[in-house]
Amino acid sequence: MPTFDMGKLIALMEDKAVIWDCTACIYRDRYAKEQAWEELAVDMFPAEWLTAPAHRRKDLIVELKTKWRSARDQFRREYSEQLRGGSKGKKKKPYLYLQQLMYLARTVDPQLRDALEPGEETSERLDTVSSPAESQSSETMEGLLETSWQFTAPPSPATAPRGRGRKRKNTSAAATRQAAAAAAQQMMVAAAVTQEELAAETQQVVVVAATQEVQNQFLEPLESKHTEHWSDAFCRYLATNLRSIDTQFAMPIQTYMQTLVEACTPPSVPYSLFAAMDHWRYTRHQQNPQPNHSQEHWPSFHKQGPNYTAQQGQCRLHTPDIGKMDRYSPSQSPSTTMAYGIDHASGNM
């Protein structure tokens, strides 16, 4: 299995701001996002995308989304630590794609960085704001609501400000609490919007997959039926009749059918062979006549009029001379000529 090129995906993603730039107007366009993901899949998997069916293409897009979200979240964690002045513990190796992903830095709200104080709780909130699509949960939402309520709660009478110095200090603290409450509210709104977008994207993917499955089940058989050659249907019909023939005639039948096909292949002209076969059919019809039905089942001729003769009720079969076999043309129907015997025709072939 080939190694996934993460650096190539990050480089291509820089031009797809519709996927990651939440400050852009086109960020809420779901159809533009799907188109951007498909273009990325074509660039990342060019050979496999051309031959992959619909469900495999869907898996490729899901794989790209997973890889991208993992890299994005890792960058935001590293970037948040840099904003806080680095981690207090042991120094660790920086993220490999940190500098290449620096175009994501403008998606972090600077007001949130200034309003929230650095600390363990603040770092968790920054991580939550950085990746609302992946780390939102009911516990985080409850924590945000509780924090917002604590920040906006009025001070108790016991801790009421006394004097000018306390008033100035409490005024700055109130401003900090208001900023933190506004930040928490923005986080809640962003989480709700992201969840709605994820639900809409999931529903759209399901609809597209169902539509493709219906097309594969019904449209493809219809298209193949319209493109079927007449010889395919005839061979299936002929196969059912050949099963009732004795096996001793299997080899002659194959030989004569092959001869008939060769006779019909240009530039050969098979009209003499058709005439001989028609003559055989006519002779067989004369040897095995149809049963004679009673006159009441058939309409009788009206023997009236000055031009009526007895010969009008008779049907004579015109039989041309065998010497005129070479003059048989396509305009003459083989079923009406019935002129030549099978023995004479086989002798001329």
Protein backbone atom coordinates (compact mmCIF):
# COMPACT_ATOMS: atom_id res chain seq x y z
CA MET A 1 0.00 0.00 0.00
CA PRO A 2 1.58 3.36 -0.98
CA THR A 3 2.55 5.82 1.77
CA PHE A 4 0.21 8.76 2.24
CA ASP A 5 1.86 12.09 1.30
CA MET A 6 0.72 14.44 4.09
CA GLY A 7 2.90 17.29 2.88
CA LYS A 8 1.21 17.25 -0.52
CA LEU A 9 -2.24 17.35 1.07
CA ILE A 10 -1.28 20.34 3.24
CA ALA A 11 0.12 22.20 0.23
CA LEU A 12 -3.02 21.55 -1.84
CA MET A 13 -5.29 22.46 1.07
CA GLU A 14 -3.90 25.99 1.22
CA ASP A 15 -5.81 26.83 -1.97
CA LYS A 16 -9.06 25.25 -0.66
CA ALA A 17 -10.00 27.98 1.83
CA VAL A 18 -13.64 26.94 1.60
CA ILE A 19 -12.78 23.91 3.77
CA TRP A 20 -10.80 25.53 6.60
CA ASP A 21 -11.21 29.34 6.53
CA CYS A 22 -14.20 30.00 8.80
CA THR A 23 -13.88 33.75 8.17
CA ALA A 24 -14.62 33.44 4.45
CA CYS A 25 -18.12 33.99 3.07
CA ILE A 26 -18.03 30.76 1.05
CA TYR A 27 -17.25 28.69 4.17
CA ARG A 28 -20.94 27.84 4.69
CA ASP A 29 -21.41 26.57 1.11
CA ARG A 30 -21.68 22.78 1.52
CA TYR A 31 -21.71 22.10 -2.22
CA ALA A 32 -18.51 24.07 -2.72
CA LYS A 33 -16.92 22.05 0.09
CA GLU A 34 -17.89 18.74 -1.49
CA GLN A 35 -16.48 19.92 -4.82
CA ALA A 36 -13.23 20.94 -3.13
CA TRP A 37 -12.91 17.52 -1.42
CA GLU A 38 -13.46 15.74 -4.75
CA GLU A 39 -10.77 17.86 -6.40
CA LEU A 40 -8.36 17.02 -3.58
CA ALA A 41 -9.14 13.31 -3.95
CA VAL A 42 -8.42 13.50 -7.70
CA ASP A 43 -5.06 15.17 -7.02
CA MET A 44 -4.10 12.80 -4.18
CA PHE A 45 -5.30 9.53 -5.80
CA PRO A 46 -5.23 10.18 -9.58
CA ALA A 47 -4.90 6.59 -10.77
CA GLU A 48 -7.29 4.98 -8.30
CA TRP A 49 -9.95 7.70 -8.67
CA LEU A 50 -10.42 7.05 -12.41
CA THR A 51 -11.26 3.36 -11.98
CA ALA A 52 -12.84 3.40 -8.51
CA PRO A 53 -16.61 2.87 -8.13
CA ALA A 54 -18.83 5.27 -6.24
CA HIS A 55 -18.46 3.63 -2.82
CA ARG A 56 -14.66 3.50 -3.13
CA ARG A 57 -14.53 7.20 -4.05
CA LYS A 58 -16.56 7.96 -0.95
CA ASP A 59 -14.02 6.03 1.17
CA LEU A 60 -11.15 8.00 -0.37
CA ILE A 61 -12.81 11.31 0.53
CA VAL A 62 -13.44 10.11 4.10
CA GLU A 63 -9.78 9.12 4.39
CA LEU A 64 -8.70 12.59 3.25
CA LYS A 65 -11.03 14.25 5.77
CA THR A 66 -9.64 12.12 8.61
CA LYS A 67 -6.01 12.86 7.69
CA TRP A 68 -6.69 16.57 7.36
CA ARG A 69 -8.57 16.93 10.64
CA SER A 70 -5.82 15.09 12.51
CA ALA A 71 -3.15 17.42 11.10
CA ARG A 72 -5.29 20.52 11.73
CA ASP A 73 -5.95 19.62 15.38
CA GLN A 74 -2.29 18.83 16.00
CA PHE A 75 -1.30 22.23 14.58
CA ARG A 76 -3.82 24.05 16.74
CA ARG A 77 -2.55 22.35 19.87
CA GLU A 78 1.06 23.21 19.04
CA TYR A 79 0.14 26.75 18.07
CA SER A 80 -1.83 27.27 21.28
CA GLU A 81 1.15 26.17 23.34
CA GLN A 82 3.34 28.67 21.51
CA LEU A 83 0.84 31.45 22.27
CA ARG A 84 1.00 30.54 25.96
CA GLY A 85 4.79 30.67 25.94
CA GLY A 86 5.45 26.95 25.59
CA SER A 87 4.73 24.02 27.85
CA LYS A 88 6.04 24.02 31.43
CA GLY A 89 7.23 20.44 31.32
CA LYS A 90 9.91 18.71 29.29
CA LYS A 91 10.60 20.16 25.86
CA LYS A 92 9.31 18.00 23.06
CA LYS A 93 10.02 17.84 19.38
CA PRO A 94 7.95 20.39 17.42
CA TYR A 95 5.25 19.21 15.05
CA LEU A 96 6.66 18.24 11.67
CA TYR A 97 4.15 20.24 9.60
CA LEU A 98 3.83 23.21 11.98
CA GLN A 99 5.44 25.77 9.68
CA GLN A 100 3.69 24.41 6.60
CA LEU A 101 0.30 24.80 8.33
CA MET A 102 0.88 28.36 9.51
CA TYR A 103 -1.81 29.59 7.10
CA LEU A 104 -4.31 28.22 9.64
CA ALA A 105 -3.11 30.72 12.27
CA ARG A 106 -5.53 33.39 11.09
CA THR A 107 -8.49 31.14 11.90
CA VAL A 108 -7.78 31.44 15.65
CA ASP A 109 -9.71 34.38 17.13
CA PRO A 110 -7.23 36.90 18.67
CA GLN A 111 -9.89 38.20 21.08
CA LEU A 112 -10.14 34.76 22.64
CA ARG A 113 -6.39 34.67 23.16
CA ASP A 114 -6.38 38.09 24.84
CA ALA A 115 -9.51 37.53 26.98
CA LEU A 116 -8.70 34.13 28.44
CA GLU A 117 -5.92 33.84 31.00
CA PRO A 118 -3.24 31.17 30.45
CA GLY A 119 -3.69 28.05 32.54
CA GLU A 120 -4.81 24.46 32.42
CA GLU A 121 -8.55 25.29 32.03
CA THR A 122 -7.81 28.03 29.51
CA SER A 123 -5.67 25.72 27.37
CA GLU A 124 -8.47 23.20 27.21
CA ARG A 125 -10.90 25.90 26.10
CA LEU A 126 -8.50 27.09 23.42
CA ASP A 127 -8.22 23.55 22.10
CA THR A 128 -12.02 23.32 22.06
CA VAL A 129 -12.33 26.56 20.07
CA SER A 130 -9.59 25.47 17.68
CA SER A 131 -11.31 22.22 16.68
CA PRO A 132 -15.09 22.50 17.21
CA ALA A 133 -15.81 19.84 14.60
CA GLU A 134 -13.95 17.08 16.40
CA SER A 135 -13.94 17.66 20.20
CA GLN A 136 -17.39 19.00 21.10
CA SER A 137 -19.29 16.91 23.64
CA SER A 138 -22.03 17.29 26.17
CA GLU A 139 -19.51 17.64 29.04
CA THR A 140 -17.71 20.50 27.29
CA MET A 141 -20.99 22.30 26.62
CA GLU A 142 -22.04 21.95 30.28
CA GLY A 143 -18.65 23.25 31.41
CA LEU A 144 -18.96 26.27 29.12
CA LEU A 145 -22.45 27.07 30.39
CA GLU A 146 -21.30 26.77 34.00
CA THR A 147 -18.26 28.97 33.34
CA SER A 148 -20.42 31.58 31.58
CA TRP A 149 -22.87 31.60 34.52
CA GLN A 150 -20.04 32.03 37.01
CA PHE A 151 -18.53 34.91 35.07
CA THR A 152 -21.81 36.78 34.67
CA ALA A 153 -23.13 36.22 38.24
CA PRO A 154 -23.43 39.49 40.25
CA PRO A 155 -21.09 39.93 43.25
CA SER A 156 -22.47 39.09 46.68
CA PRO A 157 -22.98 41.85 49.28
CA ALA A 158 -20.17 40.43 51.41
CA THR A 159 -17.68 40.95 48.58
CA ALA A 160 -19.07 44.28 47.38
CA PRO A 161 -16.38 46.82 46.39
CA ARG A 162 -15.39 49.33 49.05
CA GLY A 163 -13.38 52.35 48.23
CA ARG A 164 -11.91 53.70 45.01
CA GLY A 165 -9.11 51.17 44.71
CA ARG A 166 -11.43 48.16 44.91
CA LYS A 167 -13.84 49.75 42.44
CA ARG A 168 -11.15 50.09 39.78
CA LYS A 169 -9.97 46.53 40.36
CA ASN A 170 -13.49 45.13 40.22
CA THR A 171 -14.20 47.13 37.06
CA SER A 172 -11.29 45.47 35.24
CA ALA A 173 -12.36 42.07 36.60
CA ALA A 174 -15.92 42.65 35.36
CA ALA A 175 -14.58 43.48 31.90
CA THR A 176 -12.57 40.27 31.93
CA ARG A 177 -15.63 38.27 32.98
CA GLN A 178 -17.74 39.84 30.23
CA ALA A 179 -15.08 39.04 27.63
CA ALA A 180 -14.86 35.46 28.86
CA ALA A 181 -18.65 35.12 28.77
CA ALA A 182 -18.73 36.46 25.21
CA ALA A 183 -16.00 34.00 24.25
CA ALA A 184 -17.94 31.11 25.77
CA GLN A 185 -21.07 32.16 23.89
CA GLN A 186 -19.15 32.32 20.61
CA MET A 187 -17.80 28.84 21.28
CA MET A 188 -21.31 27.52 21.85
CA VAL A 189 -22.60 29.09 18.63
CA ALA A 190 -19.63 27.75 16.64
CA ALA A 191 -20.18 24.26 18.06
CA ALA A 192 -23.89 24.31 17.14
CA VAL A 193 -23.17 25.51 13.59
CA THR A 194 -20.47 22.88 13.10
CA GLN A 195 -22.76 20.07 14.27
CA GLU A 196 -25.47 21.21 11.84
CA GLU A 197 -22.97 21.29 8.98
CA LEU A 198 -21.70 17.81 9.83
CA ALA A 199 -25.25 16.45 9.91
CA ALA A 200 -26.04 18.08 6.56
CA GLU A 201 -22.84 16.72 4.99
CA THR A 202 -23.59 13.22 6.26
CA GLN A 203 -27.12 13.35 4.89
CA GLN A 204 -25.88 14.54 1.52
CA VAL A 205 -23.32 11.72 1.30
CA VAL A 206 -26.02 9.15 2.10
CA VAL A 207 -28.33 10.56 -0.60
CA VAL A 208 -25.57 10.52 -3.22
CA ALA A 209 -24.64 6.92 -2.36
CA ALA A 210 -28.28 5.79 -2.55
CA THR A 211 -28.75 7.51 -5.92
CA GLN A 212 -25.65 5.86 -7.33
CA GLU A 213 -26.80 2.45 -6.10
CA VAL A 214 -30.18 2.87 -7.80
CA GLN A 215 -28.47 3.81 -11.05
CA ASN A 216 -26.21 0.76 -10.88
CA GLN A 217 -29.17 -1.58 -10.25
CA PHE A 218 -31.62 -0.31 -12.87
CA LEU A 219 -29.98 1.90 -15.49
CA GLU A 220 -26.99 -0.29 -16.36
CA PRO A 221 -29.09 -3.39 -17.27
CA LEU A 222 -31.33 -1.21 -19.45
CA GLU A 223 -28.37 0.29 -21.27
CA SER A 224 -26.83 -3.12 -21.89
CA LYS A 225 -30.17 -4.39 -23.23
CA HIS A 226 -30.38 -1.57 -25.78
CA THR A 227 -26.85 -2.23 -27.03
CA GLU A 228 -27.36 -6.00 -27.48
CA HIS A 229 -26.75 -7.31 -31.00
CA TRP A 230 -29.43 -9.28 -32.81
CA SER A 231 -27.12 -12.30 -33.08
CA ASP A 232 -27.01 -12.69 -29.28
CA ALA A 233 -30.77 -13.08 -28.98
CA PHE A 234 -30.90 -15.43 -32.00
CA CYS A 235 -28.15 -17.67 -30.61
CA ARG A 236 -29.99 -18.00 -27.32
CA TYR A 237 -33.17 -18.96 -29.19
CA LEU A 238 -31.23 -21.40 -31.40
CA ALA A 239 -29.59 -23.05 -28.39
CA THR A 240 -32.97 -24.04 -26.95
CA ASN A 241 -33.91 -25.76 -30.24
CA LEU A 242 -30.58 -27.57 -30.60
CA ARG A 243 -31.09 -29.39 -27.32
CA SER A 244 -33.93 -31.42 -28.85
CA ILE A 245 -31.74 -32.75 -31.74
CA ASP A 246 -30.08 -36.15 -31.60
CA THR A 247 -26.35 -36.09 -30.86
CA GLN A 248 -25.53 -38.00 -34.06
CA PHE A 249 -26.43 -34.87 -36.03
CA ALA A 250 -24.33 -32.55 -33.89
CA MET A 251 -21.24 -32.55 -36.12
CA PRO A 252 -23.10 -32.18 -39.46
CA ILE A 253 -25.22 -29.36 -38.04
CA GLN A 254 -22.13 -27.49 -36.91
CA THR A 255 -20.47 -28.02 -40.28
CA TYR A 256 -23.47 -26.85 -42.31
CA MET A 257 -24.13 -23.87 -40.07
CA GLN A 258 -20.50 -22.82 -40.41
CA THR A 259 -20.83 -23.20 -44.19
CA LEU A 260 -23.95 -21.04 -44.14
CA VAL A 261 -22.18 -18.34 -42.15
CA GLU A 262 -19.22 -18.40 -44.56
CA ALA A 263 -21.61 -18.17 -47.51
CA CYS A 264 -23.22 -15.05 -46.01
CA THR A 265 -19.89 -13.37 -45.32
CA PRO A 266 -18.97 -10.74 -47.97
CA PRO A 267 -18.03 -10.91 -50.78
CA SER A 268 -19.91 -14.22 -51.06
CA VAL A 269 -23.48 -14.13 -52.43
CA PRO A 270 -25.69 -16.73 -50.68
CA TYR A 271 -28.82 -16.38 -52.83
CA SER A 272 -28.46 -19.77 -54.56
CA LEU A 273 -28.09 -21.44 -51.17
CA PHE A 274 -31.20 -19.63 -49.92
CA ALA A 275 -33.12 -20.80 -52.98
CA ALA A 276 -32.12 -24.43 -52.36
CA MET A 277 -33.22 -24.20 -48.75
CA ASP A 278 -36.54 -22.66 -49.77
CA HIS A 279 -37.06 -25.49 -52.25
CA TRP A 280 -36.45 -28.03 -49.49
CA ARG A 281 -38.96 -26.27 -47.26
CA TYR A 282 -41.50 -26.27 -50.08
CA THR A 283 -40.95 -29.99 -50.80
CA ARG A 284 -41.36 -30.81 -47.14
CA HIS A 285 -44.55 -28.80 -47.04
CA GLN A 286 -45.93 -30.78 -50.01
CA GLN A 287 -45.01 -34.11 -48.43
CA ASN A 288 -46.67 -33.14 -45.13
CA PRO A 289 -49.76 -31.13 -46.16
CA GLN A 290 -51.75 -29.25 -43.60
CA PRO A 291 -55.07 -30.82 -42.44
CA ASN A 292 -58.07 -29.93 -44.60
CA HIS A 293 -60.64 -27.98 -42.59
CA SER A 294 -64.33 -28.05 -43.36
CA GLN A 295 -65.78 -25.40 -45.61
CA GLU A 296 -67.86 -23.81 -42.88
CA HIS A 297 -64.77 -22.56 -41.15
CA TRP A 298 -63.50 -20.70 -44.20
CA PRO A 299 -65.20 -17.90 -46.15
CA SER A 300 -66.30 -18.93 -49.64
CA PHE A 301 -65.63 -16.96 -52.82
CA HIS A 302 -68.48 -14.96 -54.29
CA LYS A 303 -69.10 -16.43 -57.71
CA GLN A 304 -70.48 -13.26 -59.15
CA GLY A 305 -69.46 -10.72 -61.72
CA PRO A 306 -68.66 -10.93 -65.42
CA ASN A 307 -64.90 -11.35 -64.86
CA TYR A 308 -65.08 -14.29 -62.44
CA THR A 309 -63.42 -17.55 -63.54
CA ALA A 310 -62.80 -20.83 -61.80
CA GLN A 311 -59.07 -20.21 -61.77
CA GLN A 312 -59.54 -17.30 -59.34
CA GLY A 313 -60.10 -19.72 -56.45
CA GLN A 314 -56.89 -21.63 -57.14
CA CYS A 315 -53.36 -20.82 -56.09
CA ARG A 316 -50.61 -21.91 -58.46
CA LEU A 317 -46.98 -22.00 -57.46
CA HIS A 318 -44.61 -20.53 -59.98
CA THR A 319 -41.48 -22.65 -60.31
CA PRO A 320 -38.70 -21.08 -62.40
CA ASP A 321 -36.28 -23.12 -64.43
CA ILE A 322 -33.14 -24.39 -62.70
CA GLY A 323 -31.08 -22.82 -65.44
CA LYS A 324 -32.18 -19.41 -64.21
CA MET A 325 -30.57 -19.97 -60.80
CA ASP A 326 -27.82 -17.40 -61.45
CA ARG A 327 -30.41 -14.69 -62.06
CA TYR A 328 -31.76 -14.91 -58.51
CA SER A 329 -31.45 -11.40 -57.09
CA PRO A 330 -31.97 -9.80 -53.66
CA SER A 331 -35.22 -8.25 -54.86
CA GLN A 332 -36.75 -11.73 -55.16
CA SER A 333 -37.86 -13.09 -51.82
CA PRO A 334 -36.49 -16.60 -51.10
CA SER A 335 -39.76 -17.59 -49.48
CA THR A 336 -41.77 -16.93 -52.67
CA THR A 337 -39.34 -18.33 -55.29
CA MET A 338 -39.05 -21.93 -54.00
CA ALA A 339 -37.42 -22.88 -57.27
CA TYR A 340 -34.47 -25.15 -56.76
CA GLY A 341 -33.91 -28.58 -55.27
CA ILE A 342 -31.51 -29.13 -52.45
CA ASP A 343 -29.63 -31.81 -54.43
CA HIS A 344 -29.08 -29.54 -57.46
CA ALA A 345 -27.96 -26.65 -55.29
CA SER A 346 -25.53 -28.78 -53.33
CA GLY A 347 -24.06 -30.04 -56.58
CA ASN A 348 -23.40 -26.50 -57.75
CA MET A 349 -21.67 -25.38 -54.54
